[in-house]
N, C-alpha and C. Protein backbone atom coordinates (compact mmCIF):
# COMPACT_ATOMS: atom_id res chain seq x y z
N MET A 1 -40.63 28.64 25.26
CA MET A 1 -40.25 27.61 24.27
C MET A 1 -40.01 26.43 24.75
N VAL A 2 -41.00 25.50 24.11
CA VAL A 2 -41.07 23.86 24.79
C VAL A 2 -40.21 23.54 23.82
N ARG A 3 -39.51 22.88 24.95
CA ARG A 3 -37.86 22.19 24.21
C ARG A 3 -38.67 20.95 23.69
N GLU A 4 -39.65 20.05 23.72
CA GLU A 4 -40.16 19.05 22.87
C GLU A 4 -40.68 19.49 21.61
N ASN A 5 -40.89 20.58 21.35
CA ASN A 5 -41.37 20.75 19.97
C ASN A 5 -41.51 19.95 19.39
N LEU A 6 -40.13 20.56 18.45
CA LEU A 6 -39.84 19.50 17.18
C LEU A 6 -39.92 18.16 17.30
N ALA A 7 -39.55 17.44 18.76
CA ALA A 7 -39.84 15.92 18.95
C ALA A 7 -41.39 15.98 18.65
N LEU A 8 -41.97 16.14 19.33
CA LEU A 8 -43.62 16.22 18.91
C LEU A 8 -44.29 16.38 17.77
N VAL A 9 -43.52 17.11 16.97
CA VAL A 9 -44.16 17.57 15.50
C VAL A 9 -43.71 16.25 14.93
N ASP A 10 -42.62 15.90 14.88
CA ASP A 10 -41.94 14.71 14.22
C ASP A 10 -42.52 13.58 14.46
N ASP A 11 -42.84 13.39 16.16
CA ASP A 11 -43.90 12.47 16.07
C ASP A 11 -45.09 12.30 15.66
N MET A 12 -45.92 13.13 15.31
CA MET A 12 -46.82 13.45 14.43
C MET A 12 -46.93 13.51 12.99
N GLN A 13 -45.66 12.81 12.47
CA GLN A 13 -45.15 12.30 11.11
C GLN A 13 -45.22 14.01 10.15
N ALA A 14 -45.08 14.98 11.30
CA ALA A 14 -45.32 16.26 10.29
C ALA A 14 -43.61 16.87 10.10
N CYS A 15 -43.39 17.92 8.76
CA CYS A 15 -42.38 18.04 9.02
C CYS A 15 -41.50 19.02 9.96
N ALA A 16 -41.00 18.33 10.74
CA ALA A 16 -40.14 18.92 11.57
C ALA A 16 -38.96 19.99 11.33
N VAL A 17 -38.83 21.11 11.63
CA VAL A 17 -37.30 21.85 11.11
C VAL A 17 -37.12 22.87 11.90
N ILE A 18 -35.90 22.68 12.06
CA ILE A 18 -35.32 23.60 13.19
C ILE A 18 -34.49 25.29 12.66
N HIS A 19 -34.91 26.28 12.82
CA HIS A 19 -34.15 27.31 11.82
C HIS A 19 -34.25 28.17 12.78
N SER A 20 -33.45 29.60 12.67
CA SER A 20 -33.08 30.62 13.92
C SER A 20 -32.71 31.72 12.88
N ASP A 21 -32.99 32.75 13.56
CA ASP A 21 -32.69 34.39 12.82
C ASP A 21 -31.97 35.17 13.83
N ASP A 22 -31.30 33.95 14.43
CA ASP A 22 -30.92 34.67 16.08
C ASP A 22 -28.82 34.80 15.24
N PRO A 23 -28.20 35.60 14.81
CA PRO A 23 -26.82 35.09 15.07
C PRO A 23 -26.08 34.57 15.64
N ILE A 24 -26.72 34.00 17.20
CA ILE A 24 -25.95 33.10 17.65
C ILE A 24 -26.51 31.33 17.16
N HIS A 25 -27.90 31.91 17.70
CA HIS A 25 -28.46 30.03 17.31
C HIS A 25 -28.24 29.50 16.82
N VAL A 26 -28.18 30.23 15.21
CA VAL A 26 -28.34 29.65 14.22
C VAL A 26 -26.29 29.12 13.95
N GLN A 27 -25.82 29.43 14.41
CA GLN A 27 -25.12 28.56 14.46
C GLN A 27 -24.59 27.66 15.34
N ARG A 28 -25.69 27.43 16.03
CA ARG A 28 -25.50 26.42 16.84
C ARG A 28 -27.34 25.21 16.67
N LEU A 29 -26.89 25.38 15.56
CA LEU A 29 -28.30 24.51 15.25
C LEU A 29 -28.50 22.87 15.59
N ASN A 30 -27.47 22.40 15.50
CA ASN A 30 -27.01 20.93 15.60
C ASN A 30 -27.53 20.59 17.45
N GLN A 31 -27.03 21.71 18.10
CA GLN A 31 -26.89 21.81 19.49
C GLN A 31 -28.27 21.89 20.06
N GLU A 32 -29.24 22.61 19.29
CA GLU A 32 -30.57 22.93 19.80
C GLU A 32 -31.16 21.94 18.99
N VAL A 33 -30.99 20.96 18.02
CA VAL A 33 -31.53 19.42 17.58
C VAL A 33 -31.21 18.63 18.61
N ALA A 34 -29.81 18.49 19.12
CA ALA A 34 -29.61 17.58 20.18
C ALA A 34 -30.23 17.85 21.24
N LYS A 35 -30.84 19.21 22.08
CA LYS A 35 -31.54 19.28 22.82
C LYS A 35 -33.26 18.69 22.86
N ALA A 36 -33.78 19.34 21.35
CA ALA A 36 -35.14 18.98 21.44
C ALA A 36 -34.96 17.38 21.23
N MET A 37 -33.98 16.77 20.61
CA MET A 37 -34.08 15.13 20.82
C MET A 37 -33.68 14.40 22.18
N SER A 38 -33.63 14.84 23.09
CA SER A 38 -33.13 15.04 23.92
C SER A 38 -34.82 14.56 24.97
N ALA A 39 -34.96 16.04 25.06
CA ALA A 39 -35.90 16.10 25.11
C ALA A 39 -37.18 15.07 24.89
N GLY A 40 -37.21 14.89 23.74
CA GLY A 40 -38.51 13.92 23.20
C GLY A 40 -38.02 12.69 23.81
N ASN A 41 -36.66 12.31 23.67
CA ASN A 41 -36.39 10.81 24.49
C ASN A 41 -36.75 10.54 25.66
N ARG A 42 -36.50 11.83 26.38
CA ARG A 42 -37.39 11.74 27.97
C ARG A 42 -38.94 11.66 27.81
N MET A 43 -39.40 12.04 26.76
CA MET A 43 -40.93 11.81 26.65
C MET A 43 -41.19 10.41 26.45
N GLY A 44 -40.14 9.77 26.32
CA GLY A 44 -40.49 8.30 25.70
C GLY A 44 -40.46 8.51 24.21
N LEU A 45 -40.50 9.31 23.10
CA LEU A 45 -40.79 9.29 21.82
C LEU A 45 -39.29 8.45 21.08
N GLU A 46 -38.20 7.73 21.70
CA GLU A 46 -37.29 7.27 21.22
C GLU A 46 -36.92 7.52 19.58
N ILE A 47 -35.91 9.60 19.77
CA ILE A 47 -36.07 9.41 18.73
C ILE A 47 -34.35 9.45 18.29
N SER A 48 -33.72 8.79 17.41
CA SER A 48 -32.55 8.31 17.02
C SER A 48 -31.39 9.63 16.15
N PRO A 49 -30.54 9.92 16.62
CA PRO A 49 -29.56 10.89 16.25
C PRO A 49 -30.09 11.11 14.63
N GLY A 50 -30.06 10.06 14.29
CA GLY A 50 -30.34 10.47 12.52
C GLY A 50 -31.59 10.69 12.04
N ARG A 51 -32.84 10.75 12.84
CA ARG A 51 -34.03 10.95 12.32
C ARG A 51 -33.79 12.88 13.17
N ALA A 52 -33.19 13.43 14.06
CA ALA A 52 -33.13 14.21 14.61
C ALA A 52 -32.57 15.45 13.80
N ILE A 53 -31.23 14.60 13.18
CA ILE A 53 -29.76 15.67 12.25
C ILE A 53 -31.26 15.92 11.13
N ARG A 54 -32.29 15.28 10.22
CA ARG A 54 -33.28 15.60 9.55
C ARG A 54 -33.69 16.96 9.71
N TRP A 55 -34.01 17.09 10.69
CA TRP A 55 -34.79 18.95 11.57
C TRP A 55 -34.36 19.67 11.01
N ALA A 56 -32.96 19.85 10.82
CA ALA A 56 -31.76 20.55 10.22
C ALA A 56 -31.29 20.32 8.75
N THR A 57 -31.46 19.27 8.31
CA THR A 57 -31.20 19.03 6.44
C THR A 57 -32.44 18.79 5.73
N LEU A 58 -32.65 17.35 6.02
CA LEU A 58 -33.70 17.17 4.88
C LEU A 58 -35.18 17.49 5.06
N ASN A 59 -35.30 17.84 6.47
CA ASN A 59 -36.41 18.84 6.45
C ASN A 59 -36.64 20.17 5.63
N ALA A 60 -35.22 20.24 6.59
CA ALA A 60 -35.30 21.75 5.94
C ALA A 60 -35.58 22.21 4.61
N ALA A 61 -35.12 21.35 3.91
CA ALA A 61 -35.23 21.35 2.54
C ALA A 61 -36.40 21.00 1.90
N LYS A 62 -37.52 19.95 2.46
CA LYS A 62 -38.44 19.62 2.10
C LYS A 62 -39.75 20.69 2.43
N SER A 63 -39.50 21.48 3.53
CA SER A 63 -40.50 22.67 3.58
C SER A 63 -40.34 23.59 2.51
N LEU A 64 -39.01 23.57 1.82
CA LEU A 64 -38.88 24.55 0.69
C LEU A 64 -39.31 24.08 -0.59
N GLY A 65 -39.75 22.98 -0.31
CA GLY A 65 -39.88 22.33 -2.00
C GLY A 65 -38.45 21.93 -2.54
N LEU A 66 -37.34 21.75 -2.29
CA LEU A 66 -36.20 21.45 -2.87
C LEU A 66 -35.38 20.36 -2.24
N ASP A 67 -36.26 19.76 -1.52
CA ASP A 67 -35.51 18.28 -1.25
C ASP A 67 -35.10 17.50 -2.03
N ASP A 68 -35.62 17.48 -3.57
CA ASP A 68 -34.48 16.78 -4.78
C ASP A 68 -33.57 17.44 -5.19
N GLN A 69 -32.96 18.70 -4.08
CA GLN A 69 -31.73 19.41 -5.12
C GLN A 69 -31.15 18.92 -3.77
N ILE A 70 -31.02 19.56 -2.50
CA ILE A 70 -30.63 19.68 -1.52
C ILE A 70 -30.99 18.75 -0.38
N GLY A 71 -30.63 18.51 0.56
CA GLY A 71 -30.84 17.86 1.94
C GLY A 71 -30.44 17.08 2.82
N SER A 72 -29.55 16.34 1.48
CA SER A 72 -29.01 15.24 2.03
C SER A 72 -27.98 14.45 0.91
N LEU A 73 -27.25 13.76 1.38
CA LEU A 73 -26.36 13.25 0.41
C LEU A 73 -26.73 12.43 -0.56
N ALA A 74 -26.86 12.64 -1.72
CA ALA A 74 -27.16 11.55 -2.45
C ALA A 74 -26.86 12.43 -4.35
N PRO A 75 -26.23 10.76 -5.15
CA PRO A 75 -26.05 10.97 -6.37
C PRO A 75 -26.67 12.60 -7.35
N GLY A 76 -25.95 13.40 -7.56
CA GLY A 76 -26.93 14.30 -8.17
C GLY A 76 -27.47 15.58 -8.03
N LYS A 77 -27.27 15.64 -6.37
CA LYS A 77 -27.82 16.55 -5.29
C LYS A 77 -26.68 17.54 -4.68
N ASN A 78 -26.84 19.07 -5.11
CA ASN A 78 -25.92 19.75 -4.44
C ASN A 78 -25.82 19.37 -2.88
N ALA A 79 -24.18 19.47 -2.75
CA ALA A 79 -24.45 19.67 -1.00
C ALA A 79 -23.51 20.36 -0.48
N ASP A 80 -23.70 21.43 0.83
CA ASP A 80 -22.71 21.77 1.29
C ASP A 80 -22.37 20.84 2.31
N ILE A 81 -21.03 20.36 2.62
CA ILE A 81 -20.64 19.55 3.93
C ILE A 81 -20.11 19.70 5.17
N VAL A 82 -20.34 19.48 6.20
CA VAL A 82 -19.46 19.69 7.57
C VAL A 82 -18.89 18.97 7.74
N LEU A 83 -17.64 18.51 7.62
CA LEU A 83 -17.06 17.40 8.57
C LEU A 83 -16.60 17.54 9.84
N TRP A 84 -17.15 16.86 11.03
CA TRP A 84 -17.20 17.48 12.61
C TRP A 84 -16.01 16.67 13.31
N SER A 85 -15.56 17.11 14.28
CA SER A 85 -14.76 16.46 15.25
C SER A 85 -14.87 15.15 16.00
N GLN A 86 -16.59 15.60 16.18
CA GLN A 86 -17.11 14.81 17.14
C GLN A 86 -18.58 14.53 16.25
N HIS A 87 -19.72 13.45 16.99
CA HIS A 87 -20.34 13.51 16.45
C HIS A 87 -21.39 14.77 16.49
N PRO A 88 -22.04 15.37 15.36
CA PRO A 88 -21.89 16.37 15.15
C PRO A 88 -23.48 16.78 16.26
N LEU A 89 -23.91 16.79 17.15
CA LEU A 89 -25.21 16.58 17.86
C LEU A 89 -24.32 16.55 19.39
N SER A 90 -22.89 16.31 19.51
CA SER A 90 -21.98 16.72 20.69
C SER A 90 -21.94 18.17 20.65
N VAL A 91 -21.94 18.90 22.29
CA VAL A 91 -21.26 19.99 22.44
C VAL A 91 -20.17 20.64 22.50
N TYR A 92 -19.18 19.16 22.17
CA TYR A 92 -17.82 18.72 21.81
C TYR A 92 -17.49 19.47 20.83
N SER A 93 -18.11 18.55 19.70
CA SER A 93 -17.69 18.97 18.32
C SER A 93 -17.44 19.88 17.70
N LEU A 94 -16.53 20.27 17.17
CA LEU A 94 -16.35 21.34 16.19
C LEU A 94 -15.78 20.93 14.90
N ALA A 95 -16.44 22.42 13.96
CA ALA A 95 -16.63 22.01 12.56
C ALA A 95 -14.97 21.87 11.68
N GLN A 96 -14.47 20.63 11.23
CA GLN A 96 -13.11 20.92 11.07
C GLN A 96 -12.75 21.24 9.65
N GLN A 97 -13.58 20.97 9.16
CA GLN A 97 -13.89 21.19 7.46
C GLN A 97 -15.05 21.89 6.95
N VAL A 98 -15.25 22.64 6.62
CA VAL A 98 -16.74 23.30 5.43
C VAL A 98 -16.36 22.63 3.61
N TRP A 99 -17.38 22.26 3.18
CA TRP A 99 -17.27 22.16 1.62
C TRP A 99 -18.25 23.33 1.21
N ILE A 100 -18.41 23.68 0.42
CA ILE A 100 -19.53 24.73 -0.09
C ILE A 100 -19.44 24.54 -1.56
N ASP A 101 -20.51 24.12 -2.32
CA ASP A 101 -20.52 23.97 -3.58
C ASP A 101 -18.95 23.60 -4.13
N GLY A 102 -18.50 22.41 -3.31
CA GLY A 102 -17.28 21.40 -4.19
C GLY A 102 -16.01 22.49 -3.56
N HIS A 103 -16.42 23.48 -2.96
CA HIS A 103 -14.59 23.92 -2.43
C HIS A 103 -14.65 23.73 -1.32
N LEU A 104 -13.37 23.54 -0.65
CA LEU A 104 -13.15 24.00 0.64
C LEU A 104 -13.09 25.35 0.88
N ARG A 105 -13.72 25.90 1.93
CA ARG A 105 -14.16 26.76 2.61
C ARG A 105 -13.80 27.32 3.86
N PHE A 106 -13.52 26.19 4.69
CA PHE A 106 -13.25 26.30 5.97
C PHE A 106 -12.00 25.08 6.38
N ASP A 107 -10.78 25.00 6.83
CA ASP A 107 -10.18 23.91 6.90
C ASP A 107 -9.25 24.58 8.84
N ARG A 108 -10.13 23.73 9.64
CA ARG A 108 -9.75 23.96 11.12
C ARG A 108 -8.06 23.51 10.97
N GLY A 109 -7.72 22.96 10.18
CA GLY A 109 -6.17 23.10 10.42
C GLY A 109 -5.48 23.69 9.41
N ASP A 110 -6.05 24.97 8.87
CA ASP A 110 -5.13 25.29 8.03
C ASP A 110 -5.48 26.91 7.63
N ALA A 111 -4.58 27.63 8.62
CA ALA A 111 -5.12 28.92 8.76
C ALA A 111 -5.49 30.05 7.28
N SER A 112 -4.79 29.37 5.99
CA SER A 112 -5.52 30.18 4.93
C SER A 112 -6.52 29.82 4.63
N VAL A 113 -7.14 28.76 5.47
CA VAL A 113 -8.65 28.96 4.85
C VAL A 113 -9.71 28.80 5.66
N GLN A 114 -9.34 29.66 6.36
CA GLN A 114 -10.64 30.02 7.27
C GLN A 114 -10.94 31.72 7.48
N PRO A 115 -12.65 31.69 7.22
CA PRO A 115 -12.95 33.12 6.56
C PRO A 115 -12.57 34.17 8.25
N THR A 116 -13.14 35.06 7.95
CA THR A 116 -12.95 36.28 9.41
C THR A 116 -14.20 36.32 10.09
N SER A 117 -15.03 35.15 9.45
CA SER A 117 -16.35 35.33 10.66
C SER A 117 -16.81 34.12 9.80
N ASP A 118 -18.02 33.36 10.72
CA ASP A 118 -18.82 32.02 10.43
C ASP A 118 -19.77 33.01 9.11
N PHE A 119 -19.94 34.24 9.31
CA PHE A 119 -21.09 34.62 8.67
C PHE A 119 -20.16 35.07 6.89
N ASN A 120 -18.98 35.02 6.96
CA ASN A 120 -18.60 34.80 5.63
C ASN A 120 -18.23 33.75 5.04
N LEU A 121 -18.84 32.87 6.05
CA LEU A 121 -18.19 31.40 5.39
C LEU A 121 -18.64 31.04 4.12
N GLY A 122 -19.70 31.44 3.36
CA GLY A 122 -20.33 31.27 1.90
C GLY A 122 -20.14 32.20 1.41
N ILE A 123 -19.50 33.09 1.30
CA ILE A 123 -19.47 34.29 0.76
C ILE A 123 -17.89 34.12 0.01
N ILE A 124 -18.38 33.81 -1.35
CA ILE A 124 -17.32 33.75 -2.31
C ILE A 124 -16.15 34.76 -3.06
N THR A 125 -15.11 34.91 -2.23
CA THR A 125 -14.83 36.75 -3.37
C THR A 125 -14.30 36.42 -4.60
N PRO A 126 -14.40 36.81 -5.27
CA PRO A 126 -13.84 36.54 -7.32
C PRO A 126 -12.41 36.32 -6.82
N GLY A 127 -12.15 35.34 -7.62
CA GLY A 127 -10.95 34.86 -7.85
C GLY A 127 -10.00 33.82 -6.57
N ALA A 128 -10.70 33.91 -5.41
CA ALA A 128 -10.49 33.41 -4.36
C ALA A 128 -10.76 31.66 -4.48
N ILE A 129 -11.33 31.31 -4.89
CA ILE A 129 -11.46 29.50 -5.28
C ILE A 129 -10.16 28.93 -5.98
N ARG A 130 -9.85 27.90 -5.06
CA ARG A 130 -8.46 27.40 -5.40
C ARG A 130 -8.95 26.35 -6.18
N PRO A 131 -8.29 25.58 -7.38
CA PRO A 131 -8.33 24.73 -7.94
C PRO A 131 -8.35 23.40 -7.23
């Protein structure tokens, strides 16, 4: 892997997207974005964190033709939201809360809102959604 790839694709004004089929990397795409951003900045590309985070959000939605529905926070769009303990590109940051389809599905401070696994986070058991 060339760590600068995302930054180079973005610098050429193409739709840079980060994704993974790996069960470990998919849980840490924010850190992979940070690594690529840092590598691009070391090359002199001057990529801001806001621009880099789009590689996992808006650009990913755009690549699927869904950027009018998802990928950014705007009125009328569907949004799954993660509230981080620190900057989302920091290796020290932890997900504090996760909202999916308007419902709190994970809360680090509330044991009753914690799935058995990260992979169960988006799975909604019938009757499990609280008002």
